[in-house]
Amino acid sequence: MRQMQSVKDNIIALQKDNNELTKTDQETADLLSAYFKQVYTVEDMTNIPTATGSVPNWEDTNVQFSTDTVIKKLQQLKTDKSPGLDGIHPLLLTECATVLAKPLSLIFQQSYNTGILPDEWKTAHIVPIFKKGIKTDPANYRPVSLTSVPCKVMETIIKEKLVKFWTRRFGAK
């Protein structure tokens, strides 16, 4: 499975503010972490629009995670992508879709009904991806969050249901 991953490079030593190169992996990770925190954007949550007009019928948004839907989503996964922190590789999910669909659909439904996600699904592994330029410059890396693939499958099913609901309710704009 590791051979199918598209990103294989390790991060080399990075240049610190004093022009020295990092000497350990921990020092490199700390430098990237500090840089990513510095450029991270915090959204303004004080100016959120409120709904106007009639209240929608939220029963239309009830999501059912059928085994067939889960199989279809698992078979559509890109198998060359990295697994999340839980270590479940998309290739494994795709190859075993028919066996895994029923237990996953039960987990998805229970999670949706209770509003509780498994702890492993709430955690991400942040991986720096080189963009372009000098490899020793932390500004030439972007953070990518590797999250649980099963959680992404569940999110996709929910998103499609909500998009369908809003499109039916308010029309495509």
Protein backbone atom coordinates (compact mmCIF):
# COMPACT_ATOMS: atom_id res chain seq x y z
CA MET A 1 0.00 0.00 0.00
CA ARG A 2 2.86 2.34 0.79
CA GLN A 3 4.14 2.01 -2.79
CA MET A 4 0.87 3.39 -4.12
CA GLN A 5 1.15 6.63 -2.14
CA SER A 6 1.86 9.65 -4.29
CA VAL A 7 3.88 11.54 -1.65
CA LYS A 8 7.09 9.81 -0.62
CA ASP A 9 9.58 12.58 0.20
CA ASN A 10 10.75 13.17 3.72
CA ILE A 11 11.24 16.72 4.94
CA ILE A 12 14.87 17.75 4.95
CA ALA A 13 16.41 20.20 7.40
CA LEU A 14 14.70 23.59 7.37
CA GLN A 15 16.22 27.02 7.80
CA LYS A 16 15.43 28.77 11.08
CA ASP A 17 15.17 32.55 11.58
CA ASN A 18 18.87 32.69 12.54
CA ASN A 19 19.77 31.01 9.18
CA GLU A 20 20.82 27.76 10.91
CA LEU A 21 19.34 24.49 9.69
CA THR A 22 17.26 22.30 11.96
CA LYS A 23 19.18 19.32 13.32
CA THR A 24 16.43 16.97 14.50
CA ASP A 25 13.03 15.85 13.25
CA GLN A 26 11.45 17.37 16.37
CA GLU A 27 13.07 20.73 15.66
CA THR A 28 11.82 20.59 12.05
CA ALA A 29 8.30 19.65 13.20
CA ASP A 30 8.29 22.49 15.76
CA LEU A 31 9.43 25.00 13.13
CA LEU A 32 6.71 23.93 10.68
CA SER A 33 4.11 23.94 13.46
CA ALA A 34 5.04 27.49 14.45
CA TYR A 35 4.92 28.64 10.82
CA PHE A 36 1.54 26.99 10.15
CA LYS A 37 0.08 28.58 13.31
CA GLN A 38 1.39 31.97 12.20
CA VAL A 39 -0.34 31.85 8.81
CA TYR A 40 -3.53 30.09 9.96
CA THR A 41 -6.71 32.11 9.44
CA VAL A 42 -9.29 32.26 12.22
CA GLU A 43 -12.77 32.82 10.84
CA ASP A 44 -14.94 35.64 12.23
CA MET A 45 -17.83 33.87 13.95
CA THR A 46 -19.54 37.06 15.16
CA ASN A 47 -21.18 37.93 11.84
CA ILE A 48 -23.07 34.76 10.91
CA PRO A 49 -26.25 35.39 8.90
CA THR A 50 -29.53 34.22 10.37
CA ALA A 51 -32.25 32.38 8.50
CA THR A 52 -35.21 34.34 7.20
CA GLY A 53 -38.56 33.17 5.90
CA SER A 54 -40.34 29.92 6.63
CA VAL A 55 -38.67 27.20 8.66
CA PRO A 56 -37.58 24.28 6.46
CA ASN A 57 -38.94 20.80 7.03
CA TRP A 58 -35.86 19.21 8.57
CA GLU A 59 -37.39 15.75 8.21
CA ASP A 60 -36.23 15.99 4.59
CA THR A 61 -32.64 16.02 5.84
CA ASN A 62 -32.87 12.67 7.62
CA VAL A 63 -29.90 10.66 6.40
CA GLN A 64 -30.05 6.90 6.00
CA PHE A 65 -26.74 5.13 5.46
CA SER A 66 -27.77 2.18 3.31
CA THR A 67 -25.31 -0.61 2.62
CA ASP A 68 -25.59 0.04 -1.13
CA THR A 69 -24.72 3.74 -0.69
CA VAL A 70 -21.72 2.90 1.49
CA ILE A 71 -20.49 0.27 -1.00
CA LYS A 72 -20.75 2.79 -3.83
CA LYS A 73 -18.80 5.44 -1.86
CA LEU A 74 -16.10 2.97 -0.80
CA GLN A 75 -15.62 1.81 -4.39
CA GLN A 76 -15.18 5.44 -5.51
CA LEU A 77 -12.29 6.13 -3.12
CA LYS A 78 -8.97 7.16 -4.61
CA THR A 79 -6.72 4.27 -3.63
CA ASP A 80 -3.44 6.17 -3.98
CA LYS A 81 -4.28 8.57 -1.12
CA SER A 82 -2.83 8.31 2.38
CA PRO A 83 -4.67 6.79 5.33
CA GLY A 84 -5.70 8.92 8.26
CA LEU A 85 -4.48 8.65 11.83
CA ASP A 86 -6.50 5.45 12.26
CA GLY A 87 -4.28 3.75 9.65
CA ILE A 88 -7.19 2.52 7.52
CA HIS A 89 -5.97 2.77 3.94
CA PRO A 90 -8.42 3.67 1.13
CA LEU A 91 -7.15 0.69 -0.89
CA LEU A 92 -8.22 -1.67 1.90
CA LEU A 93 -11.66 -0.05 2.08
CA THR A 94 -12.10 -0.25 -1.70
CA GLU A 95 -11.00 -3.87 -1.99
CA CYS A 96 -13.15 -4.98 0.98
CA ALA A 97 -16.12 -2.69 0.26
CA THR A 98 -18.78 -5.41 0.13
CA VAL A 99 -17.67 -6.91 3.47
CA LEU A 100 -17.14 -3.59 5.27
CA ALA A 101 -20.22 -1.73 4.01
CA LYS A 102 -22.72 -3.23 6.46
CA PRO A 103 -20.70 -2.61 9.66
CA LEU A 104 -19.70 0.85 8.45
CA SER A 105 -23.30 1.74 7.60
CA LEU A 106 -24.32 0.74 11.15
CA ILE A 107 -21.50 2.83 12.66
CA PHE A 108 -22.40 5.79 10.43
CA GLN A 109 -26.09 5.58 11.32
CA GLN A 110 -25.42 5.28 15.07
CA SER A 111 -22.96 8.16 14.94
CA TYR A 112 -25.40 10.34 12.98
CA ASN A 113 -28.35 9.51 15.23
CA THR A 114 -26.46 10.17 18.47
CA GLY A 115 -24.29 13.03 17.22
CA ILE A 116 -21.19 11.28 18.58
CA LEU A 117 -18.15 10.56 16.43
CA PRO A 118 -15.51 7.98 17.33
CA ASP A 119 -12.53 9.76 18.91
CA GLU A 120 -10.19 8.60 16.13
CA TRP A 121 -12.36 10.48 13.62
CA LYS A 122 -11.89 13.78 15.46
CA THR A 123 -8.12 13.70 15.15
CA ALA A 124 -6.03 14.64 12.14
CA HIS A 125 -2.42 14.04 11.20
CA ILE A 126 -0.97 17.26 9.74
CA VAL A 127 1.54 16.56 6.99
CA PRO A 128 3.65 19.27 5.35
CA ILE A 129 3.56 19.09 1.55
CA PHE A 130 6.28 20.84 -0.43
CA LYS A 131 4.89 23.42 -2.88
CA LYS A 132 7.81 24.92 -4.80
CA GLY A 133 10.99 26.91 -4.30
CA ILE A 134 13.74 26.27 -1.80
CA LYS A 135 13.13 23.11 0.23
CA THR A 136 14.76 24.56 3.36
CA ASP A 137 12.22 27.42 3.59
CA PRO A 138 9.22 26.56 5.83
CA ALA A 139 7.06 29.00 3.80
CA ASN A 140 7.35 26.63 0.82
CA TYR A 141 5.30 23.95 2.59
CA ARG A 142 1.57 23.75 3.08
CA PRO A 143 -0.20 21.74 5.76
CA VAL A 144 -2.50 18.92 4.72
CA SER A 145 -4.77 17.24 7.27
CA LEU A 146 -4.97 13.49 7.00
CA THR A 147 -8.26 12.50 8.59
CA SER A 148 -10.03 9.17 8.88
CA VAL A 149 -11.12 7.82 5.50
CA PRO A 150 -14.30 6.19 6.88
CA CYS A 151 -15.23 9.55 8.44
CA LYS A 152 -14.74 11.25 5.05
CA VAL A 153 -17.06 8.67 3.48
CA MET A 154 -19.72 9.45 6.08
CA GLU A 155 -19.24 13.20 5.57
CA THR A 156 -19.65 12.77 1.80
CA ILE A 157 -22.97 10.96 2.21
CA ILE A 158 -24.27 13.65 4.60
CA LYS A 159 -23.06 16.47 2.34
CA GLU A 160 -24.79 15.02 -0.71
CA LYS A 161 -28.06 14.67 1.21
CA LEU A 162 -27.87 18.28 2.44
CA VAL A 163 -26.98 19.65 -1.00
CA LYS A 164 -29.95 17.77 -2.46
CA PHE A 165 -32.21 19.18 0.30
CA TRP A 166 -31.07 22.78 -0.22
CA THR A 167 -31.26 22.50 -4.00
CA ARG A 168 -34.82 21.18 -3.80
CA ARG A 169 -35.78 23.76 -1.22
CA PHE A 170 -34.15 26.87 -2.68
CA GLY A 171 -33.24 25.87 -6.23
CA ALA A 172 -29.80 25.89 -7.78
CA LYS A 173 -28.21 29.32 -7.69
